[in-house]
C-alpha atoms as a PDB file:
ATOM      1  CA  VAL A   1     261.425  65.176 -41.796  1.00  0.00           C
ATOM      2  CA  VAL A   2     260.957  61.745 -40.250  1.00  0.00           C
ATOM      3  CA  GLU A   3     262.446  58.725 -41.980  1.00  0.00           C
ATOM      4  CA  VAL A   4     261.070  55.196 -41.747  1.00  0.00           C
ATOM      5  CA  ASN A   5     263.209  52.118 -42.142  1.00  0.00           C
ATOM      6  CA  GLU A   6     261.737  49.387 -44.308  1.00  0.00           C
ATOM      7  CA  GLY A   7     260.186  46.695 -42.119  1.00  0.00           C
ATOM      8  CA  ALA A   8     259.896  48.974 -39.052  1.00  0.00           C
ATOM      9  CA  GLU A   9     257.165  48.029 -36.579  1.00  0.00           C
ATOM     10  CA  SER A  10     256.204  51.671 -36.023  1.00  0.00           C
ATOM     11  CA  VAL A  11     257.236  55.279 -36.517  1.00  0.00           C
ATOM     12  CA  LEU A  12     256.836  58.208 -34.106  1.00  0.00           C
ATOM     13  CA  LEU A  13     255.667  61.574 -35.442  1.00  0.00           C
ATOM     14  CA  PRO A  14     256.778  64.047 -32.741  1.00  0.00           C
ATOM     15  CA  CYS A  15     254.622  66.960 -31.591  1.00  0.00           C
ATOM     16  CA  VAL A  16     255.026  68.705 -28.224  1.00  0.00           C
ATOM     17  CA  TYR A  17     253.033  71.721 -27.000  1.00  0.00           C
ATOM     18  CA  SER A  18     253.873  73.692 -23.860  1.00  0.00           C
ATOM     19  CA  ASP A  19     251.451  76.650 -23.947  1.00  0.00           C
ATOM     20  CA  LYS A  20     248.040  76.868 -22.289  1.00  0.00           C
ATOM     21  CA  LEU A  21     245.397  74.675 -23.894  1.00  0.00           C
ATOM     22  CA  PRO A  22     242.117  76.211 -25.082  1.00  0.00           C
ATOM     23  CA  GLY A  23     238.890  75.285 -23.305  1.00  0.00           C
ATOM     24  CA  ASP A  24     237.469  71.903 -24.398  1.00  0.00           C
ATOM     25  CA  PRO A  25     240.532  71.134 -26.541  1.00  0.00           C
ATOM     26  CA  PHE A  26     240.952  68.408 -29.077  1.00  0.00           C
ATOM     27  CA  LEU A  27     244.016  67.346 -30.947  1.00  0.00           C
ATOM     28  CA  ILE A  28     243.982  66.547 -34.656  1.00  0.00           C
ATOM     29  CA  TRP A  29     246.568  64.799 -36.824  1.00  0.00           C
ATOM     30  CA  THR A  30     245.764  65.269 -40.520  1.00  0.00           C
ATOM     31  CA  ARG A  31     247.165  64.625 -43.957  1.00  0.00           C
ATOM     32  CA  SER A  32     245.761  67.176 -46.424  1.00  0.00           C
ATOM     33  CA  ASP A  33     246.221  65.031 -49.549  1.00  0.00           C
ATOM     34  CA  LEU A  34     243.732  62.447 -48.252  1.00  0.00           C
ATOM     35  CA  SER A  35     239.959  62.442 -48.048  1.00  0.00           C
ATOM     36  CA  PRO A  36     238.902  62.261 -45.305  1.00  0.00           C
ATOM     37  CA  ASN A  37     242.084  63.934 -44.077  1.00  0.00           C
ATOM     38  CA  SER A  38     241.823  62.794 -40.428  1.00  0.00           C
ATOM     39  CA  VAL A  39     244.669  60.538 -39.291  1.00  0.00           C
ATOM     40  CA  HIS A  40     243.923  60.681 -35.540  1.00  0.00           C
ATOM     41  CA  LEU A  41     241.628  62.753 -33.308  1.00  0.00           C
ATOM     42  CA  ARG A  42     241.969  62.975 -29.518  1.00  0.00           C
ATOM     43  CA  ARG A  43     239.333  64.580 -27.317  1.00  0.00           C
ATOM     44  CA  GLU A  44     239.401  65.034 -23.539  1.00  0.00           C
ATOM     45  CA  ASN A  45     237.343  61.861 -23.137  1.00  0.00           C
ATOM     46  CA  GLY A  46     239.580  59.771 -25.439  1.00  0.00           C
ATOM     47  CA  ASP A  47     240.222  58.946 -29.071  1.00  0.00           C
ATOM     48  CA  ASP A  48     237.572  59.650 -31.704  1.00  0.00           C
ATOM     49  CA  PHE A  49     237.938  57.400 -34.746  1.00  0.00           C
ATOM     50  CA  LYS A  50     234.563  58.249 -36.319  1.00  0.00           C
ATOM     51  CA  ASN A  51     236.001  60.323 -39.199  1.00  0.00           C
ATOM     52  CA  GLN A  52     239.411  58.659 -39.384  1.00  0.00           C
ATOM     53  CA  ASN A  53     240.703  57.811 -42.860  1.00  0.00           C
ATOM     54  CA  GLN A  54     240.343  54.030 -43.334  1.00  0.00           C
ATOM     55  CA  ARG A  55     244.008  53.542 -44.272  1.00  0.00           C
ATOM     56  CA  PHE A  56     244.988  54.399 -40.670  1.00  0.00           C
ATOM     57  CA  ARG A  57     242.352  52.229 -38.970  1.00  0.00           C
ATOM     58  CA  ASN A  58     243.860  50.344 -35.973  1.00  0.00           C
ATOM     59  CA  ARG A  59     247.347  51.729 -36.734  1.00  0.00           C
ATOM     60  CA  THR A  60     247.529  55.026 -34.786  1.00  0.00           C
ATOM     61  CA  SER A  61     247.937  55.731 -31.083  1.00  0.00           C
ATOM     62  CA  MET A  62     248.874  58.522 -28.689  1.00  0.00           C
ATOM     63  CA  ASN A  63     249.827  58.652 -25.023  1.00  0.00           C
ATOM     64  CA  PRO A  64     246.621  58.370 -22.958  1.00  0.00           C
ATOM     65  CA  ASP A  65     247.549  61.548 -21.025  1.00  0.00           C
ATOM     66  CA  ALA A  66     248.516  63.578 -24.120  1.00  0.00           C
ATOM     67  CA  LEU A  67     246.220  66.529 -23.377  1.00  0.00           C
ATOM     68  CA  ASN A  68     247.599  66.758 -19.812  1.00  0.00           C
ATOM     69  CA  THR A  69     251.299  66.466 -20.696  1.00  0.00           C
ATOM     70  CA  GLY A  70     251.373  68.329 -24.025  1.00  0.00           C
ATOM     71  CA  ASN A  71     253.053  65.345 -25.704  1.00  0.00           C
ATOM     72  CA  PHE A  72     250.884  65.007 -28.811  1.00  0.00           C
ATOM     73  CA  SER A  73     253.277  62.662 -30.631  1.00  0.00           C
ATOM     74  CA  LEU A  74     251.577  60.080 -32.811  1.00  0.00           C
ATOM     75  CA  THR A  75     252.688  56.471 -33.198  1.00  0.00           C
ATOM     76  CA  LEU A  76     251.916  54.969 -36.592  1.00  0.00           C
ATOM     77  CA  ARG A  77     252.150  51.171 -36.579  1.00  0.00           C
ATOM     78  CA  LYS A  78     253.198  49.049 -39.545  1.00  0.00           C
ATOM     79  CA  PRO A  79     254.272  51.941 -41.811  1.00  0.00           C
ATOM     80  CA  GLN A  80     253.451  51.406 -45.489  1.00  0.00           C
ATOM     81  CA  GLN A  81     254.620  52.961 -48.764  1.00  0.00           C
ATOM     82  CA  SER A  82     251.356  54.918 -48.965  1.00  0.00           C
ATOM     83  CA  ASP A  83     252.033  56.522 -45.546  1.00  0.00           C
ATOM     84  CA  GLY A  84     254.657  58.867 -46.996  1.00  0.00           C
ATOM     85  CA  GLY A  85     253.514  62.491 -47.026  1.00  0.00           C
ATOM     86  CA  ASN A  86     252.980  65.650 -44.975  1.00  0.00           C
ATOM     87  CA  TYR A  87     251.282  65.292 -41.597  1.00  0.00           C
ATOM     88  CA  THR A  88     249.995  68.214 -39.517  1.00  0.00           C
ATOM     89  CA  CYS A  89     249.566  68.220 -35.738  1.00  0.00           C
ATOM     90  CA  SER A  90     246.916  70.781 -34.673  1.00  0.00           C
ATOM     91  CA  ILE A  91     244.945  71.720 -31.587  1.00  0.00           C
ATOM     92  CA  SER A  92     241.443  73.173 -31.679  1.00  0.00           C
ATOM     93  CA  ASP A  93     238.599  74.268 -29.453  1.00  0.00           C
ATOM     94  CA  GLY A  94     236.011  73.825 -32.210  1.00  0.00           C
ATOM     95  CA  ARG A  95     236.165  77.477 -33.268  1.00  0.00           C
ATOM     96  CA  GLU A  96     239.856  78.076 -33.964  1.00  0.00           C
ATOM     97  CA  GLU A  97     242.547  75.645 -35.050  1.00  0.00           C
ATOM     98  CA  LEU A  98     246.236  76.147 -34.323  1.00  0.00           C
ATOM     99  CA  ASN A  99     248.726  74.221 -36.467  1.00  0.00           C
ATOM    100  CA  LEU A 100     251.514  73.175 -34.129  1.00  0.00           C
ATOM    101  CA  LYS A 101     253.798  71.171 -36.357  1.00  0.00           C
ATOM    102  CA  GLN A 102     254.078  69.815 -39.877  1.00  0.00           C
ATOM    103  CA  ILE A 103     256.113  66.671 -40.479  1.00  0.00           C
ATOM    104  CA  HIS A 104     257.156  65.089 -43.743  1.00  0.00           C
ATOM    105  CA  LEU A 105     257.243  61.303 -43.438  1.00  0.00           C
ATOM    106  CA  LYS A 106     259.564  59.689 -45.953  1.00  0.00           C
ATOM    107  CA  ARG A 107     258.221  56.489 -47.450  1.00  0.00           C
ATOM    108  CA  PRO A 108     259.706  53.252 -46.153  1.00  0.00           C
ATOM    109  CA  GLY A 109     262.034  51.512 -48.568  1.00  0.00           C
ATOM    110  CA  ARG A 110     262.398  54.542 -50.838  1.00  0.00           C
ATOM    111  CA  PRO A 111     265.588  56.377 -49.980  1.00  0.00           C
ATOM    112  CA  GLU A 112     265.431  59.942 -51.220  1.00  0.00           C
ATOM    113  CA  THR A 113     268.629  61.454 -52.557  1.00  0.00           C
ATOM    114  CA  HIS A 114     269.238  65.149 -52.780  1.00  0.00           C
ATOM    115  CA  CYS A 115     271.777  65.417 -55.578  1.00  0.00           C
ATOM    116  CA  GLY A 116     273.987  68.419 -55.584  1.00  0.00           C
ATOM    117  CA  SER A 117     276.120  67.256 -52.694  1.00  0.00           C
ATOM    118  CA  GLU A 118     279.446  65.478 -53.148  1.00  0.00           C
ATOM    119  CA  ILE A 119     278.112  62.493 -51.204  1.00  0.00           C
ATOM    120  CA  CYS A 120     275.277  62.007 -53.694  1.00  0.00           C
ATOM    121  CA  LYS A 121     277.704  62.422 -56.586  1.00  0.00           C
ATOM    122  CA  GLU A 122     280.107  59.856 -55.106  1.00  0.00           C
ATOM    123  CA  ARG A 123     277.256  57.467 -54.414  1.00  0.00           C
ATOM    124  CA  SER A 124     275.960  57.763 -57.981  1.00  0.00           C
ATOM    125  CA  GLU A 125     279.442  57.210 -59.438  1.00  0.00           C
ATOM    126  CA  HIS A 126     279.933  54.192 -57.190  1.00  0.00           C
ATOM    127  CA  GLN A 127     276.601  52.707 -58.294  1.00  0.00           C
ATOM    128  CA  VAL A 128     277.529  53.231 -61.961  1.00  0.00           C
ATOM    129  CA  ARG A 129     280.949  51.618 -61.399  1.00  0.00           C
ATOM    130  CA  ALA A 130     279.337  48.666 -59.618  1.00  0.00           C
ATOM    131  CA  ALA A 131     276.846  48.227 -62.469  1.00  0.00           C
ATOM    132  CA  ASP A 132     279.663  48.405 -65.056  1.00  0.00           C
ATOM    133  CA  GLU A 133     281.722  45.844 -63.134  1.00  0.00           C
ATOM    134  CA  GLY A 134     278.678  43.577 -62.886  1.00  0.00           C
ATOM    135  CA  GLN A 135     278.205  43.680 -66.664  1.00  0.00           C
ATOM    136  CA  ARG A 136     281.871  42.848 -67.299  1.00  0.00           C
ATOM    137  CA  SER A 137     281.866  39.855 -64.988  1.00  0.00           C
ATOM    138  CA  GLU A 138     279.050  38.117 -66.862  1.00  0.00           C
END
């Protein structure tokens, strides 16, 4: 899970691969709930934005030497509410595709609480108390 702070300039989706690359490799970042699902595609000769989903146009980048170093991390600039979701980092040779990592990006400005913990319970009680106090002071 990667969290984004509201107003952040960018967010890094980490993906590192240390095994041998297939012949003629290309790297694909996708989000399966979108059509087209391509977030970023990197070939040996550079980025390929031909089939990139429009919502990511001019907002994604990778290290220029990603295929040499194995650092396939993706930088997403100007994160938006609609960017929240599950991203998959994969490598392919055109015949087989290997999913390397799946990352859940939390939406900016929408804190997610997982109630069931004491912290969440305390937080909820505090928010209720603050709301009650606010009503009384009016």
